[in-house]
């Protein structure tokens, strides 16, 4: 095997490993926010806590791993993949990958008391509660608890302290 092929294989492996780490961090962050700082209306407290993912994303695997060992309050977590906006049904949270950001307006038309989490939204971010961004090759996030409140969800006052310390950028 020549040196160039070895180098390309090594770079591919490193890239895949870093990508897996990104999704693991994102899923853990989302879980911590929704399990500690946000409360859904009573109508959303029965059955499983549903995390929807629009399209193909490696984060599905990480959410499913979390679902095996965690709960949100007394609710088990289930992870549902939606292949298109038309398939979106009642869920507590929906994750929109970069590949599906163009569908945001259509997603908003389909959801109720659902938190929207996006990966890399740069243009129309209105309505996105958590947005993951890369800044100087580091994973950061934008947290907008006011969008969760506008959906009728209760947000812990503690989140204001967290927002001031950890959010890369914030909108009023």
N, C-alpha and C. Protein backbone atom coordinates (compact mmCIF):
# COMPACT_ATOMS: atom_id res chain seq x y z
N UNK A 1 0.86 -1.18 0.00
CA UNK A 1 0.00 0.00 0.00
C UNK A 1 0.90 1.24 0.00
N UNK A 2 0.57 2.21 -0.81
CA UNK A 2 1.44 3.37 -0.87
C UNK A 2 1.12 4.35 0.26
N UNK A 3 2.00 5.28 0.47
CA UNK A 3 1.89 6.23 1.56
C UNK A 3 0.65 7.11 1.42
N UNK A 4 0.34 7.49 0.21
CA UNK A 4 -0.83 8.34 -0.02
C UNK A 4 -2.12 7.63 0.39
N UNK A 5 -2.26 6.37 0.05
CA UNK A 5 -3.45 5.60 0.41
C UNK A 5 -3.57 5.45 1.92
N UNK A 6 -2.44 5.23 2.58
CA UNK A 6 -2.44 5.10 4.05
C UNK A 6 -2.86 6.42 4.68
N UNK A 7 -2.34 7.52 4.17
CA UNK A 7 -2.66 8.84 4.71
C UNK A 7 -4.16 9.15 4.52
N UNK A 8 -4.69 8.87 3.35
CA UNK A 8 -6.12 9.11 3.09
C UNK A 8 -6.97 8.24 4.02
N UNK A 9 -6.61 6.99 4.21
CA UNK A 9 -7.35 6.09 5.11
C UNK A 9 -7.31 6.60 6.53
N UNK A 10 -6.17 7.05 6.97
CA UNK A 10 -6.01 7.57 8.33
C UNK A 10 -6.86 8.83 8.51
N UNK A 11 -6.83 9.75 7.54
CA UNK A 11 -7.62 10.98 7.63
C UNK A 11 -9.12 10.67 7.67
N UNK A 12 -9.55 9.70 6.89
CA UNK A 12 -10.95 9.30 6.89
C UNK A 12 -11.35 8.76 8.26
N UNK A 13 -10.52 7.93 8.85
CA UNK A 13 -10.78 7.38 10.17
C UNK A 13 -10.86 8.47 11.23
N UNK A 14 -9.94 9.42 11.19
CA UNK A 14 -9.94 10.54 12.14
C UNK A 14 -11.21 11.37 11.98
N UNK A 15 -11.59 11.65 10.74
CA UNK A 15 -12.80 12.43 10.47
C UNK A 15 -14.04 11.73 11.00
N UNK A 16 -14.15 10.43 10.76
CA UNK A 16 -15.30 9.67 11.26
C UNK A 16 -15.34 9.64 12.77
N UNK A 17 -14.19 9.51 13.41
CA UNK A 17 -14.12 9.50 14.87
C UNK A 17 -14.53 10.85 15.44
N UNK A 18 -14.05 11.94 14.85
CA UNK A 18 -14.41 13.27 15.33
C UNK A 18 -15.90 13.53 15.12
N UNK A 19 -16.44 13.07 14.01
CA UNK A 19 -17.87 13.24 13.75
C UNK A 19 -18.69 12.50 14.80
N UNK A 20 -18.30 11.29 15.13
CA UNK A 20 -19.01 10.52 16.15
C UNK A 20 -18.95 11.23 17.50
N UNK A 21 -17.81 11.84 17.81
CA UNK A 21 -17.68 12.58 19.06
C UNK A 21 -18.62 13.79 19.08
N UNK A 22 -18.77 14.45 17.93
CA UNK A 22 -19.65 15.61 17.83
C UNK A 22 -21.09 15.21 18.14
N UNK A 23 -21.56 14.15 17.52
CA UNK A 23 -22.94 13.71 17.75
C UNK A 23 -23.14 13.24 19.19
N UNK A 24 -22.15 12.61 19.76
CA UNK A 24 -22.25 12.16 21.15
C UNK A 24 -22.39 13.38 22.08
N UNK A 25 -21.58 14.41 21.84
CA UNK A 25 -21.65 15.62 22.64
C UNK A 25 -22.99 16.31 22.46
N UNK A 26 -23.45 16.41 21.21
CA UNK A 26 -24.73 17.07 20.94
C UNK A 26 -25.88 16.35 21.63
N UNK A 27 -25.92 15.04 21.53
CA UNK A 27 -27.03 14.29 22.14
C UNK A 27 -26.99 14.41 23.66
N UNK A 28 -25.82 14.38 24.26
CA UNK A 28 -25.71 14.53 25.71
C UNK A 28 -26.15 15.93 26.15
N UNK A 29 -25.76 16.94 25.40
CA UNK A 29 -26.15 18.31 25.73
C UNK A 29 -27.67 18.46 25.65
N UNK A 30 -28.26 17.98 24.58
CA UNK A 30 -29.71 18.06 24.41
C UNK A 30 -30.40 17.34 25.56
N UNK A 31 -29.94 16.14 25.89
CA UNK A 31 -30.56 15.39 26.98
C UNK A 31 -30.51 16.18 28.30
N UNK A 32 -29.36 16.76 28.60
CA UNK A 32 -29.24 17.52 29.84
C UNK A 32 -30.19 18.71 29.88
N UNK A 33 -30.33 19.42 28.78
CA UNK A 33 -31.25 20.56 28.74
C UNK A 33 -32.69 20.11 28.93
N UNK A 34 -33.11 19.10 28.18
CA UNK A 34 -34.53 18.71 28.23
C UNK A 34 -34.88 17.95 29.50
N UNK A 35 -33.93 17.31 30.13
CA UNK A 35 -34.25 16.55 31.34
C UNK A 35 -34.17 17.40 32.60
N UNK A 36 -33.43 18.48 32.56
CA UNK A 36 -33.23 19.28 33.78
C UNK A 36 -33.91 20.64 33.76
N UNK A 37 -34.11 21.21 32.59
CA UNK A 37 -34.52 22.62 32.54
C UNK A 37 -35.84 22.90 31.85
N UNK A 38 -36.46 21.91 31.24
CA UNK A 38 -37.68 22.16 30.48
C UNK A 38 -38.77 21.19 30.92
N UNK A 39 -39.99 21.72 31.06
CA UNK A 39 -41.13 20.89 31.43
C UNK A 39 -42.24 21.07 30.39
N UNK A 40 -42.77 19.94 29.93
CA UNK A 40 -43.83 19.95 28.92
C UNK A 40 -45.18 19.98 29.60
N UNK A 41 -46.22 20.40 28.86
CA UNK A 41 -47.58 20.38 29.40
C UNK A 41 -48.01 18.95 29.76
N UNK A 42 -49.00 18.84 30.62
CA UNK A 42 -49.48 17.53 31.05
C UNK A 42 -49.84 16.62 29.88
N UNK A 43 -50.37 17.21 28.82
CA UNK A 43 -50.77 16.40 27.66
C UNK A 43 -49.57 15.73 26.98
N UNK A 44 -48.37 16.17 27.28
CA UNK A 44 -47.16 15.58 26.69
C UNK A 44 -46.42 14.68 27.68
N UNK A 45 -46.99 14.45 28.87
CA UNK A 45 -46.29 13.68 29.90
C UNK A 45 -46.69 12.21 29.93
N UNK A 46 -47.60 11.79 29.09
CA UNK A 46 -47.99 10.39 29.03
C UNK A 46 -47.25 9.67 27.92
N UNK A 47 -47.08 8.38 28.07
CA UNK A 47 -46.39 7.59 27.06
C UNK A 47 -44.91 7.90 27.01
N UNK A 48 -44.28 7.58 25.89
CA UNK A 48 -42.85 7.81 25.75
C UNK A 48 -42.55 9.27 25.45
N UNK A 49 -41.36 9.69 25.83
CA UNK A 49 -40.83 10.98 25.43
C UNK A 49 -40.22 10.76 24.05
N UNK A 50 -40.76 11.43 23.04
CA UNK A 50 -40.38 11.14 21.66
C UNK A 50 -39.41 12.20 21.13
N UNK A 51 -38.26 11.71 20.69
CA UNK A 51 -37.27 12.55 20.01
C UNK A 51 -37.33 12.19 18.53
N UNK A 52 -37.67 13.16 17.71
CA UNK A 52 -37.72 12.95 16.28
C UNK A 52 -36.47 13.47 15.61
N UNK A 53 -36.04 12.81 14.57
CA UNK A 53 -34.90 13.26 13.77
C UNK A 53 -35.36 13.29 12.32
N UNK A 54 -35.24 14.48 11.71
CA UNK A 54 -35.65 14.62 10.32
C UNK A 54 -34.48 14.27 9.40
N UNK A 55 -34.67 13.23 8.60
CA UNK A 55 -33.64 12.81 7.63
C UNK A 55 -32.58 11.92 8.25
N UNK A 56 -31.54 11.68 7.47
CA UNK A 56 -30.43 10.85 7.92
C UNK A 56 -29.45 11.68 8.72
N UNK A 57 -29.11 11.21 9.89
CA UNK A 57 -28.11 11.88 10.71
C UNK A 57 -27.49 10.86 11.66
N UNK A 58 -26.18 10.94 11.85
CA UNK A 58 -25.53 10.03 12.79
C UNK A 58 -26.00 10.23 14.23
N UNK A 59 -26.67 11.35 14.51
CA UNK A 59 -27.12 11.59 15.89
C UNK A 59 -28.22 10.61 16.30
N UNK A 60 -28.90 9.99 15.33
CA UNK A 60 -29.93 9.00 15.65
C UNK A 60 -29.34 7.91 16.53
N UNK A 61 -28.18 7.42 16.15
CA UNK A 61 -27.52 6.35 16.93
C UNK A 61 -27.24 6.82 18.35
N UNK A 62 -26.77 8.04 18.51
CA UNK A 62 -26.45 8.56 19.85
C UNK A 62 -27.72 8.74 20.69
N UNK A 63 -28.79 9.26 20.08
CA UNK A 63 -30.05 9.38 20.82
C UNK A 63 -30.58 8.01 21.22
N UNK A 64 -30.45 7.01 20.35
CA UNK A 64 -30.91 5.66 20.69
C UNK A 64 -30.09 5.06 21.82
N UNK A 65 -28.80 5.35 21.84
CA UNK A 65 -27.95 4.89 22.95
C UNK A 65 -28.40 5.51 24.26
N UNK A 66 -28.67 6.80 24.25
CA UNK A 66 -29.19 7.47 25.45
C UNK A 66 -30.52 6.87 25.89
N UNK A 67 -31.37 6.59 24.92
CA UNK A 67 -32.72 6.09 25.22
C UNK A 67 -32.69 4.75 25.95
N UNK A 68 -31.65 3.97 25.75
CA UNK A 68 -31.55 2.66 26.41
C UNK A 68 -31.37 2.77 27.92
N UNK A 69 -30.76 3.88 28.37
CA UNK A 69 -30.41 3.95 29.79
C UNK A 69 -30.96 5.19 30.51
N UNK A 70 -31.68 6.04 29.82
CA UNK A 70 -32.16 7.29 30.42
C UNK A 70 -33.67 7.43 30.27
N UNK A 71 -34.21 8.32 31.07
CA UNK A 71 -35.62 8.69 30.97
C UNK A 71 -35.72 10.21 31.08
N UNK A 72 -36.87 10.72 30.73
CA UNK A 72 -37.20 12.13 30.98
C UNK A 72 -38.33 12.07 32.00
N UNK A 73 -38.00 12.39 33.24
CA UNK A 73 -38.96 12.19 34.32
C UNK A 73 -39.28 10.71 34.41
N UNK A 74 -40.56 10.37 34.30
CA UNK A 74 -40.96 8.96 34.34
C UNK A 74 -41.17 8.37 32.95
N UNK A 75 -40.87 9.15 31.92
CA UNK A 75 -41.10 8.69 30.55
C UNK A 75 -39.86 8.03 29.95
N UNK A 76 -40.08 6.88 29.34
CA UNK A 76 -39.01 6.28 28.53
C UNK A 76 -38.82 7.15 27.30
N UNK A 77 -37.64 7.06 26.72
CA UNK A 77 -37.34 7.84 25.51
C UNK A 77 -37.43 6.92 24.30
N UNK A 78 -38.11 7.39 23.27
CA UNK A 78 -38.09 6.68 21.99
C UNK A 78 -37.60 7.66 20.93
N UNK A 79 -36.88 7.12 19.96
CA UNK A 79 -36.30 7.93 18.89
C UNK A 79 -36.96 7.52 17.58
N UNK A 80 -37.47 8.50 16.86
CA UNK A 80 -38.19 8.25 15.61
C UNK A 80 -37.50 9.02 14.49
N UNK A 81 -37.23 8.31 13.40
CA UNK A 81 -36.67 8.96 12.22
C UNK A 81 -37.81 9.32 11.28
N UNK A 82 -37.84 10.59 10.88
CA UNK A 82 -38.79 11.06 9.88
C UNK A 82 -38.02 11.24 8.58
N UNK A 83 -38.43 10.54 7.54
CA UNK A 83 -37.74 10.65 6.25
C UNK A 83 -38.09 11.93 5.51
N UNK A 84 -39.26 12.51 5.83
CA UNK A 84 -39.68 13.75 5.18
C UNK A 84 -40.52 14.56 6.16
N UNK A 85 -40.76 15.81 5.83
CA UNK A 85 -41.59 16.67 6.66
C UNK A 85 -43.00 16.09 6.77
N UNK A 86 -43.49 15.49 5.70
CA UNK A 86 -44.84 14.91 5.71
C UNK A 86 -45.00 13.82 6.76
N UNK A 87 -43.93 13.14 7.12
CA UNK A 87 -43.98 12.04 8.10
C UNK A 87 -43.95 12.54 9.55
N UNK A 88 -43.65 13.80 9.77
CA UNK A 88 -43.51 14.30 11.14
C UNK A 88 -44.83 14.16 11.88
N UNK A 89 -44.74 13.55 13.07
CA UNK A 89 -45.90 13.41 13.94
C UNK A 89 -45.52 13.95 15.32
N UNK A 90 -46.44 13.84 16.26
CA UNK A 90 -46.24 14.40 17.59
C UNK A 90 -44.93 13.91 18.20
N UNK A 91 -44.11 14.86 18.58
CA UNK A 91 -42.88 14.55 19.29
C UNK A 91 -42.56 15.70 20.23
N UNK A 92 -41.73 15.43 21.20
CA UNK A 92 -41.35 16.44 22.17
C UNK A 92 -40.23 17.33 21.65
N UNK A 93 -39.38 16.74 20.85
CA UNK A 93 -38.20 17.42 20.33
C UNK A 93 -37.95 16.91 18.92
N UNK A 94 -37.56 17.81 18.03
CA UNK A 94 -37.17 17.37 16.70
C UNK A 94 -35.80 17.94 16.37
N UNK A 95 -34.93 17.07 15.89
CA UNK A 95 -33.57 17.45 15.50
C UNK A 95 -33.55 17.59 13.98
N UNK A 96 -33.06 18.74 13.51
CA UNK A 96 -32.96 19.01 12.08
C UNK A 96 -31.48 19.07 11.71
N UNK A 97 -31.05 18.15 10.86
CA UNK A 97 -29.65 18.14 10.45
C UNK A 97 -29.39 19.21 9.40
N UNK A 98 -28.13 19.47 9.13
CA UNK A 98 -27.75 20.47 8.13
C UNK A 98 -28.43 20.20 6.80
N UNK A 99 -28.52 18.95 6.42
CA UNK A 99 -29.09 18.59 5.12
C UNK A 99 -30.58 18.94 5.01
N UNK A 100 -31.25 19.13 6.14
CA UNK A 100 -32.69 19.38 6.12
C UNK A 100 -33.09 20.78 6.59
N UNK A 101 -32.11 21.66 6.74
CA UNK A 101 -32.41 23.00 7.24
C UNK A 101 -33.33 23.79 6.31
N UNK A 102 -33.31 23.50 5.02
CA UNK A 102 -34.18 24.20 4.08
C UNK A 102 -35.66 23.91 4.36
N UNK A 103 -35.94 22.84 5.11
CA UNK A 103 -37.32 22.46 5.43
C UNK A 103 -37.86 23.10 6.71
N UNK A 104 -37.10 24.00 7.34
CA UNK A 104 -37.50 24.54 8.64
C UNK A 104 -38.91 25.13 8.65
N UNK A 105 -39.24 25.97 7.70
CA UNK A 105 -40.57 26.59 7.69
C UNK A 105 -41.67 25.53 7.64
N UNK A 106 -41.47 24.49 6.85
CA UNK A 106 -42.46 23.41 6.76
C UNK A 106 -42.52 22.60 8.06
N UNK A 107 -41.38 22.45 8.73
CA UNK A 107 -41.36 21.76 10.02
C UNK A 107 -42.18 22.54 11.03
N UNK A 108 -41.98 23.85 11.10
CA UNK A 108 -42.72 24.67 12.06
C UNK A 108 -44.22 24.57 11.85
N UNK A 109 -44.64 24.40 10.61
CA UNK A 109 -46.07 24.27 10.31
C UNK A 109 -46.65 22.95 10.81
N UNK A 110 -45.81 21.95 11.06
CA UNK A 110 -46.27 20.60 11.45
C UNK A 110 -46.23 20.33 12.95
N UNK A 111 -45.52 21.14 13.71
CA UNK A 111 -45.27 20.80 15.11
C UNK A 111 -46.09 21.66 16.07
N UNK A 112 -46.28 21.11 17.26
CA UNK A 112 -46.97 21.84 18.32
C UNK A 112 -45.98 22.26 19.39
N UNK A 113 -46.14 21.69 20.57
CA UNK A 113 -45.26 22.00 21.70
C UNK A 113 -43.94 21.23 21.57
N UNK A 114 -43.26 21.44 20.48
CA UNK A 114 -42.06 20.69 20.17
C UNK A 114 -40.85 21.61 20.14
N UNK A 115 -39.81 21.19 20.83
CA UNK A 115 -38.56 21.95 20.79
C UNK A 115 -37.84 21.61 19.50
N UNK A 116 -37.32 22.63 18.84
CA UNK A 116 -36.57 22.44 17.61
C UNK A 116 -35.09 22.60 17.92
N UNK A 117 -34.33 21.57 17.53
CA UNK A 117 -32.87 21.59 17.66
C UNK A 117 -32.31 21.49 16.25
N UNK A 118 -31.38 22.37 15.92
CA UNK A 118 -30.81 22.38 14.57
C UNK A 118 -29.29 22.23 14.64
N UNK A 119 -28.75 21.69 13.59
CA UNK A 119 -27.31 21.55 13.48
C UNK A 119 -26.81 22.49 12.39
N UNK A 120 -26.33 23.65 12.80
CA UNK A 120 -25.67 24.54 11.86
C UNK A 120 -26.56 25.53 11.14
N UNK A 121 -27.72 25.87 11.70
CA UNK A 121 -28.56 26.88 11.05
C UNK A 121 -27.83 28.22 11.08
N UNK A 122 -27.78 28.89 9.93
CA UNK A 122 -27.10 30.18 9.87
C UNK A 122 -28.02 31.31 9.43
N UNK A 123 -29.05 30.99 8.69
CA UNK A 123 -29.92 32.04 8.17
C UNK A 123 -31.13 32.24 9.08
N UNK A 124 -32.24 31.65 8.76
CA UNK A 124 -33.46 31.82 9.52
C UNK A 124 -33.43 30.93 10.76
N UNK A 125 -33.09 31.51 11.90
CA UNK A 125 -32.98 30.74 13.14
C UNK A 125 -34.16 30.95 14.07
N UNK A 126 -35.12 31.75 13.63
CA UNK A 126 -36.28 32.03 14.48
C UNK A 126 -37.03 30.73 14.75
N UNK A 127 -37.27 30.45 16.02
CA UNK A 127 -38.01 29.25 16.41
C UNK A 127 -37.12 28.10 16.83
N UNK A 128 -35.83 28.21 16.62
CA UNK A 128 -34.89 27.15 17.00
C UNK A 128 -34.46 27.38 18.44
N UNK A 129 -34.73 26.40 19.31
CA UNK A 129 -34.37 26.53 20.72
C UNK A 129 -32.88 26.26 20.94
N UNK A 130 -32.35 25.23 20.30
CA UNK A 130 -30.93 24.91 20.41
C UNK A 130 -30.37 24.79 19.00
N UNK A 131 -29.30 25.53 18.73
CA UNK A 131 -28.65 25.47 17.43
C UNK A 131 -27.17 25.20 17.64
N UNK A 132 -26.68 24.10 17.09
CA UNK A 132 -25.26 23.78 17.19
C UNK A 132 -24.50 24.45 16.06
N UNK A 133 -23.40 25.08 16.40
CA UNK A 133 -22.57 25.79 15.42
C UNK A 133 -21.10 25.45 15.66
N UNK A 134 -20.32 25.58 14.61
CA UNK A 134 -18.87 25.42 14.73
C UNK A 134 -18.24 26.80 14.70
N UNK A 135 -17.39 27.09 15.67
CA UNK A 135 -16.69 28.36 15.75
C UNK A 135 -15.21 28.06 15.98
N UNK A 136 -14.39 28.49 15.05
CA UNK A 136 -12.95 28.21 15.14
C UNK A 136 -12.69 26.73 15.36
N UNK A 137 -13.39 25.90 14.60
CA UNK A 137 -13.28 24.44 14.65
C UNK A 137 -13.66 23.85 16.01
N UNK A 138 -14.47 24.56 16.77
CA UNK A 138 -14.96 24.06 18.06
C UNK A 138 -16.48 24.06 18.05
N UNK A 139 -17.05 23.01 18.63
CA UNK A 139 -18.50 22.91 18.72
C UNK A 139 -19.01 23.89 19.76
N UNK A 140 -19.97 24.70 19.35
CA UNK A 140 -20.62 25.66 20.23
C UNK A 140 -22.13 25.53 20.03
N UNK A 141 -22.89 26.25 20.82
CA UNK A 141 -24.33 26.21 20.67
C UNK A 141 -24.92 27.57 20.95
N UNK A 142 -26.08 27.78 20.37
CA UNK A 142 -26.90 28.93 20.67
C UNK A 142 -28.14 28.39 21.37
N UNK A 143 -28.47 28.98 22.47
CA UNK A 143 -29.60 28.52 23.26
C UNK A 143 -30.61 29.65 23.38
N UNK A 144 -31.83 29.40 22.94
CA UNK A 144 -32.88 30.41 22.96
C UNK A 144 -34.08 29.88 23.75
N UNK A 145 -34.03 29.93 25.09
CA UNK A 145 -35.14 29.39 25.88
C UNK A 145 -36.47 30.09 25.63
N UNK A 146 -36.44 31.34 25.15
CA UNK A 146 -37.69 32.05 24.88
C UNK A 146 -38.53 31.34 23.82
N UNK A 147 -37.90 30.59 22.90
CA UNK A 147 -38.66 29.85 21.91
C UNK A 147 -39.38 28.66 22.54
N UNK A 148 -38.78 28.05 23.55
CA UNK A 148 -39.46 26.97 24.27
C UNK A 148 -40.65 27.54 25.03
N UNK A 149 -40.47 28.69 25.65
CA UNK A 149 -41.57 29.33 26.39
C UNK A 149 -42.71 29.67 25.44
N UNK A 150 -42.39 30.13 24.25
CA UNK A 150 -43.43 30.49 23.28
C UNK A 150 -44.24 29.28 22.83
N UNK A 151 -43.72 28.07 23.04
CA UNK A 151 -44.43 26.83 22.70
C UNK A 151 -45.30 26.34 23.86
N UNK A 152 -45.31 27.11 24.96
CA UNK A 152 -46.12 26.71 26.11
C UNK A 152 -45.37 25.80 27.07
N UNK A 153 -44.05 25.71 26.92
CA UNK A 153 -43.24 24.88 27.80
C UNK A 153 -42.74 25.72 28.96
N UNK A 154 -42.53 25.08 30.10
CA UNK A 154 -41.97 25.77 31.26
C UNK A 154 -40.46 25.59 31.24
N UNK A 155 -39.76 26.70 31.38
CA UNK A 155 -38.29 26.68 31.36
C UNK A 155 -37.80 27.11 32.73
N UNK A 156 -36.92 26.34 33.31
CA UNK A 156 -36.37 26.63 34.63
C UNK A 156 -35.63 27.97 34.63
N UNK A 157 -35.80 28.74 35.73
CA UNK A 157 -35.06 30.00 35.83
C UNK A 157 -33.54 29.78 35.80
N UNK A 158 -33.10 28.59 36.19
CA UNK A 158 -31.66 28.29 36.19
C UNK A 158 -31.05 28.37 34.81
N UNK A 159 -31.86 28.19 33.79
CA UNK A 159 -31.34 28.19 32.43
C UNK A 159 -30.80 29.57 32.06
N UNK A 160 -31.32 30.62 32.69
CA UNK A 160 -30.81 31.97 32.42
C UNK A 160 -29.34 32.07 32.82
N UNK A 161 -28.99 31.49 33.95
CA UNK A 161 -27.58 31.49 34.37
C UNK A 161 -26.73 30.68 33.41
N UNK A 162 -27.24 29.56 32.99
CA UNK A 162 -26.51 28.72 32.06
C UNK A 162 -26.31 29.44 30.74
N UNK A 163 -27.34 30.14 30.30
CA UNK A 163 -27.26 30.87 29.04
C UNK A 163 -26.16 31.91 29.09
N UNK A 164 -26.10 32.66 30.17
CA UNK A 164 -25.12 33.73 30.26
C UNK A 164 -23.69 33.21 30.23
N UNK A 165 -23.46 32.03 30.77
CA UNK A 165 -22.10 31.50 30.86
C UNK A 165 -21.65 30.72 29.63
N UNK A 166 -22.57 30.02 28.95
CA UNK A 166 -22.13 29.04 27.97
C UNK A 166 -22.56 29.29 26.53
N UNK A 167 -23.43 30.21 26.30
CA UNK A 167 -23.91 30.40 24.95
C UNK A 167 -22.91 31.24 24.17
N UNK A 168 -22.62 30.77 22.98
CA UNK A 168 -21.67 31.48 22.14
C UNK A 168 -22.26 32.80 21.67
N UNK A 169 -23.51 32.76 21.26
CA UNK A 169 -24.18 33.96 20.79
C UNK A 169 -25.63 33.88 21.17
N UNK A 170 -26.25 35.00 21.39
CA UNK A 170 -27.66 35.00 21.78
C UNK A 170 -28.38 36.13 21.08
N UNK A 171 -29.65 35.91 20.79
CA UNK A 171 -30.51 36.93 20.20
C UNK A 171 -31.52 37.35 21.25
N UNK A 172 -31.96 38.55 21.17
CA UNK A 172 -33.04 39.00 22.07
C UNK A 172 -34.37 38.74 21.44
